[in-house]
Amino acid sequence: MKKSREEPGAEAAQDRARSFVTSMDRGLRVIRAFGERRAFLTVSEVAERTDISRAAARRFLKTLEALDYVGTADGQRYFLKPSVLTLGFAYLSSLGLNEVVQPVLTSMLDRTGEPCSFAVLNETDVLYVARAYNHQPLRAAIRVGDRLPAFSTALGRVLLSGKSDDELRAIMTTIQLKRHTPDTIIDPLLIMNEIAKIRRQGHAFSASEQIFGLTAIAVPIRNAAGEIIAGLGVSTQFPEMAAKLETAIVPQLKDAAATIELAMRTNPSPLSI
């Protein structure tokens, strides 16, 4: 009897399953269980947040404690220690952000007086990996490492504009389209229309959709193949500045994006691949 050949996709899935290290996955999930308003967690809370048993959660926490990634305040509650930052800094360092991106962000801040951000798409969120900002009081402080829903932010939508329509429809079925302000667009068709507009004009604009009173503009960063790999954006909470974003700031932002693209081609990083 002739042996049937498996589909290439099935073979790839089986190869991934054979190579997948479940214990590493669980250990990383334990680290990700901590966060803002979750600085201290018990074994039971970690187990619940990671969907693993209490016994396994305790073993992972004890291992991470031995590696100096977590500590314990009273033998019951655990917290992340500074050593865990080395994991994130290793990624940021590999991108060459200090040499390539940060000077451009600082230059945009100097010219506009408004915060400038560099972000990538992480699953269905926009992840901020570099920022230049002033010390004016903002309604919401966005920091490096913060994540926001891609569908409701200018940076997120400019990153989503690099996806095909089929990919976008698939994404829409996996995310919760939550209304963050009265102006948040949550209709999938309207979001698709906004992204189609971004593709045509080359930039994204949002007003009070994620944070009330905050207006933002963003442009894509592309690799040598023309694929969108990151986004560059400026945001403001001042109405007089918001009116200038699309007219005065977009050309400057596109020039800044071109500078970063050229630098990334000269000094390749994981993003440019």
Protein backbone atom coordinates (compact mmCIF):
# COMPACT_ATOMS: atom_id res chain seq x y z
CA MET A 1 0.00 0.00 0.00
CA LYS A 2 1.35 3.37 -1.04
CA LYS A 3 2.07 5.68 1.86
CA SER A 4 0.18 8.95 1.58
CA ARG A 5 2.21 12.13 1.57
CA GLU A 6 1.37 14.72 4.19
CA GLU A 7 0.62 18.30 3.29
CA PRO A 8 3.62 20.67 3.67
CA GLY A 9 1.67 22.69 6.24
CA ALA A 10 1.02 19.60 8.33
CA GLU A 11 4.68 18.61 8.19
CA ALA A 12 5.71 22.09 9.33
CA ALA A 13 3.21 21.97 12.20
CA GLN A 14 4.52 18.58 13.31
CA ASP A 15 8.11 19.83 13.15
CA ARG A 16 7.18 22.84 15.32
CA ALA A 17 5.46 20.54 17.81
CA ARG A 18 8.52 18.27 18.02
CA SER A 19 10.84 21.25 18.54
CA PHE A 20 8.61 23.09 21.02
CA VAL A 21 9.95 23.18 24.60
CA THR A 22 6.86 23.37 26.82
CA SER A 23 8.79 24.12 29.99
CA MET A 24 10.39 27.19 28.43
CA ASP A 25 6.97 28.39 27.29
CA ARG A 26 5.63 28.03 30.83
CA GLY A 27 8.61 29.81 32.36
CA LEU A 28 8.16 32.80 30.07
CA ARG A 29 4.43 32.84 30.83
CA VAL A 30 5.27 33.09 34.53
CA ILE A 31 7.43 36.18 33.86
CA ARG A 32 4.67 37.74 31.74
CA ALA A 33 2.15 37.17 34.53
CA PHE A 34 3.62 40.18 36.34
CA GLY A 35 2.95 43.73 35.22
CA GLU A 36 1.34 47.04 36.07
CA ARG A 37 -0.98 46.61 39.06
CA ARG A 38 0.38 43.05 39.31
CA ALA A 39 3.73 43.80 40.94
CA PHE A 40 3.26 41.17 43.69
CA LEU A 41 1.75 37.75 42.95
CA THR A 42 1.29 34.62 45.03
CA VAL A 43 1.88 31.11 43.69
CA SER A 44 -1.88 30.65 43.32
CA GLU A 45 -2.25 33.92 41.39
CA VAL A 46 0.61 33.00 39.04
CA ALA A 47 -0.94 29.57 38.48
CA GLU A 48 -4.30 31.14 37.66
CA ARG A 49 -2.85 33.73 35.29
CA THR A 50 -0.68 31.21 33.42
CA ASP A 51 -3.10 28.27 33.44
CA ILE A 52 -0.59 25.90 35.03
CA SER A 53 -0.79 23.92 38.27
CA ARG A 54 0.20 25.46 41.61
CA ALA A 55 3.00 22.91 41.96
CA ALA A 56 4.41 23.81 38.54
CA ALA A 57 4.03 27.55 39.23
CA ARG A 58 5.95 27.15 42.48
CA ARG A 59 8.79 25.25 40.73
CA PHE A 60 9.10 27.91 38.02
CA LEU A 61 9.09 30.74 40.57
CA LYS A 62 11.76 28.98 42.66
CA THR A 63 13.88 28.48 39.52
CA LEU A 64 13.48 32.12 38.49
CA GLU A 65 14.34 33.14 42.05
CA ALA A 66 17.55 31.10 41.91
CA LEU A 67 18.40 32.84 38.61
CA ASP A 68 17.74 36.24 40.26
CA TYR A 69 14.82 37.08 37.95
CA VAL A 70 12.24 37.13 40.77
CA GLY A 71 12.32 37.74 44.50
CA THR A 72 9.94 37.14 47.39
CA ALA A 73 8.81 39.73 49.91
CA ASP A 74 7.51 37.46 52.66
CA GLY A 75 7.86 33.95 51.34
CA GLN A 76 4.36 34.19 49.88
CA ARG A 77 4.33 37.03 47.36
CA TYR A 78 6.78 37.15 44.45
CA PHE A 79 7.98 40.13 42.39
CA LEU A 80 10.22 40.70 39.37
CA LYS A 81 13.81 41.76 40.03
CA PRO A 82 15.94 44.15 37.92
CA SER A 83 17.76 41.22 36.27
CA VAL A 84 14.65 40.52 34.20
CA LEU A 85 15.30 43.79 32.35
CA THR A 86 18.29 42.18 30.66
CA LEU A 87 15.86 40.08 28.61
CA GLY A 88 14.14 43.14 27.19
CA PHE A 89 17.30 45.20 26.87
CA ALA A 90 18.90 42.42 24.84
CA TYR A 91 16.13 42.86 22.25
CA LEU A 92 16.34 46.66 22.27
CA SER A 93 20.12 46.57 21.96
CA SER A 94 19.91 44.18 19.01
CA LEU A 95 17.75 46.70 17.14
CA GLY A 96 20.43 49.38 17.29
CA LEU A 97 17.82 51.91 18.43
CA ASN A 98 20.27 54.19 20.24
CA GLU A 99 22.38 54.64 17.11
CA VAL A 100 19.69 54.63 14.42
CA VAL A 101 16.28 55.57 15.82
CA GLN A 102 16.72 57.62 18.98
CA PRO A 103 18.54 60.56 17.31
CA VAL A 104 15.70 60.84 14.79
CA LEU A 105 13.05 60.77 17.53
CA THR A 106 14.92 63.44 19.49
CA SER A 107 15.20 65.60 16.38
CA MET A 108 11.44 65.33 15.76
CA LEU A 109 10.77 66.25 19.40
CA ASP A 110 13.01 69.31 19.09
CA ARG A 111 11.27 70.44 15.90
CA THR A 112 7.67 69.82 16.95
CA GLY A 113 7.78 70.03 20.74
CA GLU A 114 5.61 66.90 20.83
CA PRO A 115 6.37 63.27 21.81
CA CYS A 116 7.65 61.05 19.04
CA SER A 117 7.42 57.24 19.16
CA PHE A 118 8.85 54.24 17.31
CA ALA A 119 6.75 51.09 17.57
CA VAL A 120 6.32 47.59 16.16
CA LEU A 121 3.36 45.25 15.84
CA ASN A 122 3.27 42.54 18.51
CA GLU A 123 0.44 40.12 17.74
CA THR A 124 -2.59 42.47 17.73
CA ASP A 125 -1.02 45.24 19.82
CA VAL A 126 1.31 48.11 19.06
CA LEU A 127 4.48 47.81 21.17
CA TYR A 128 6.44 50.99 21.92
CA VAL A 129 10.18 50.27 21.65
CA ALA A 130 11.61 53.83 21.58
CA ARG A 131 10.33 57.27 22.66
CA ALA A 132 11.42 60.88 22.82
CA TYR A 133 9.21 63.11 24.96
CA ASN A 134 9.15 66.33 26.91
CA HIS A 135 8.07 66.80 30.48
CA GLN A 136 4.78 68.54 29.83
CA PRO A 137 1.92 66.88 31.74
CA LEU A 138 0.04 64.39 29.60
CA ARG A 139 -3.31 62.76 30.21
CA ALA A 140 -1.61 59.39 29.81
CA ALA A 141 2.10 58.67 29.94
CA ILE A 142 3.22 56.16 27.31
CA ARG A 143 6.51 54.45 28.09
CA VAL A 144 8.89 52.14 26.25
CA GLY A 145 7.50 48.62 26.63
CA ASP A 146 3.87 49.73 26.78
CA ARG A 147 1.32 48.02 24.56
CA LEU A 148 -1.89 49.49 23.17
CA PRO A 149 -4.53 47.95 20.89
CA ALA A 150 -3.46 48.34 17.28
CA PHE A 151 -6.96 48.87 15.92
CA SER A 152 -7.56 52.11 17.87
CA THR A 153 -4.21 53.90 17.51
CA ALA A 154 -2.56 55.71 14.60
CA LEU A 155 0.67 53.73 15.01
CA GLY A 156 -1.25 50.49 15.24
CA ARG A 157 -3.29 51.14 12.12
CA VAL A 158 -0.26 52.15 10.09
CA LEU A 159 1.32 48.82 11.09
CA LEU A 160 -1.87 46.91 10.26
CA SER A 161 -1.90 48.56 6.83
CA GLY A 162 0.96 46.22 5.91
CA LYS A 163 -1.32 43.22 6.30
CA SER A 164 -3.47 41.80 3.50
CA ASP A 165 -7.25 42.14 3.69
CA ASP A 166 -7.55 38.43 4.48
CA GLU A 167 -5.04 38.80 7.32
CA LEU A 168 -6.92 41.83 8.64
CA ARG A 169 -10.24 40.00 8.61
CA ALA A 170 -8.64 37.13 10.54
CA ILE A 171 -7.22 39.58 13.08
CA MET A 172 -10.64 41.21 13.54
CA THR A 173 -12.09 37.88 14.59
CA THR A 174 -9.47 37.37 17.31
CA ILE A 175 -9.53 40.75 19.08
CA GLN A 176 -12.05 42.43 21.33
CA LEU A 177 -13.04 45.69 19.65
CA LYS A 178 -13.49 47.65 22.86
CA ARG A 179 -14.66 51.25 22.96
CA HIS A 180 -12.03 53.23 24.90
CA THR A 181 -13.64 56.64 24.32
CA PRO A 182 -16.87 57.82 22.66
CA ASP A 183 -14.82 58.32 19.44
CA THR A 184 -13.31 54.81 19.23
CA ILE A 185 -14.18 53.07 15.97
CA ILE A 186 -15.24 49.50 16.73
CA ASP A 187 -17.02 48.53 13.52
CA PRO A 188 -14.70 46.09 11.65
CA LEU A 189 -15.80 47.41 8.25
CA LEU A 190 -15.06 51.01 9.24
CA ILE A 191 -11.65 49.98 10.60
CA MET A 192 -10.90 48.20 7.29
CA ASN A 193 -11.93 51.38 5.44
CA GLU A 194 -9.58 53.45 7.62
CA ILE A 195 -6.71 51.08 6.88
CA ALA A 196 -7.45 51.20 3.14
CA LYS A 197 -7.28 55.02 3.39
CA ILE A 198 -3.91 54.76 5.15
CA ARG A 199 -2.55 52.62 2.31
CA ARG A 200 -3.62 55.28 -0.22
CA GLN A 201 -2.30 58.37 1.59
CA GLY A 202 0.73 56.85 3.33
CA HIS A 203 -0.07 57.96 6.87
CA ALA A 204 -2.55 57.31 9.68
CA PHE A 205 -4.48 59.84 11.76
CA SER A 206 -6.49 59.28 14.93
CA ALA A 207 -8.23 61.66 17.30
CA SER A 208 -9.42 60.76 20.81
CA GLU A 209 -9.89 57.08 19.94
CA GLN A 210 -7.55 55.47 22.46
CA ILE A 211 -7.12 58.36 24.92
CA PHE A 212 -9.66 61.18 25.02
CA GLY A 213 -8.12 64.45 23.86
CA LEU A 214 -5.03 62.84 22.34
CA THR A 215 -4.48 63.26 18.59
CA ALA A 216 -1.83 61.25 16.76
CA ILE A 217 -0.26 60.86 13.34
CA ALA A 218 1.90 57.96 12.13
CA VAL A 219 3.83 56.80 9.06
CA PRO A 220 5.27 53.38 8.19
CA ILE A 221 8.90 52.27 8.31
CA ARG A 222 9.69 49.81 5.51
CA ASN A 223 12.53 47.38 4.89
CA ALA A 224 14.39 47.02 1.59
CA ALA A 225 11.63 44.71 0.28
CA GLY A 226 9.00 47.38 0.92
CA GLU A 227 7.42 45.54 3.86
CA ILE A 228 6.18 47.54 6.84
CA ILE A 229 8.35 46.62 9.81
CA ALA A 230 7.68 49.50 12.23
CA GLY A 231 5.87 52.79 12.64
CA LEU A 232 6.90 56.34 13.51
CA GLY A 233 4.40 58.63 15.17
CA VAL A 234 3.83 62.02 16.81
CA SER A 235 1.03 62.71 19.29
CA THR A 236 -0.35 65.83 20.95
CA GLN A 237 -2.98 66.82 23.48
CA PHE A 238 -3.11 70.44 22.33
CA PRO A 239 -5.91 71.37 19.85
CA GLU A 240 -3.84 74.05 18.11
CA MET A 241 -1.11 71.49 17.40
CA ALA A 242 -3.58 68.78 16.39
CA ALA A 243 -4.77 70.96 13.52
CA LYS A 244 -1.21 71.04 12.12
CA LEU A 245 -0.45 67.33 12.31
CA GLU A 246 -1.61 66.32 8.84
CA THR A 247 -0.45 69.51 7.09
CA ALA A 248 2.84 70.47 8.75
CA ILE A 249 4.02 67.36 10.61
CA VAL A 250 3.35 64.55 8.11
CA PRO A 251 6.04 65.72 5.62
CA GLN A 252 8.58 65.97 8.47
CA LEU A 253 7.57 62.55 9.76
CA LYS A 254 7.95 60.98 6.32
CA ASP A 255 11.42 62.51 5.96
CA ALA A 256 12.32 61.12 9.40
CA ALA A 257 11.04 57.68 8.38
CA ALA A 258 13.17 57.78 5.23
CA THR A 259 16.23 58.60 7.37
CA ILE A 260 15.58 55.59 9.60
CA GLU A 261 14.96 53.30 6.61
CA LEU A 262 18.26 54.32 5.03
CA ALA A 263 20.14 53.85 8.30
CA MET A 264 18.61 50.39 8.82
CA ARG A 265 19.69 49.30 5.37
CA THR A 266 23.21 50.50 6.11
CA ASN A 267 23.22 48.93 9.60
CA PRO A 268 20.92 45.88 9.42
CA SER A 269 18.97 44.88 12.53
CA PRO A 270 16.43 42.09 13.22
CA LEU A 271 13.67 44.52 12.22
CA SER A 272 15.05 45.07 8.72
CA ILE A 273 15.08 41.38 7.83
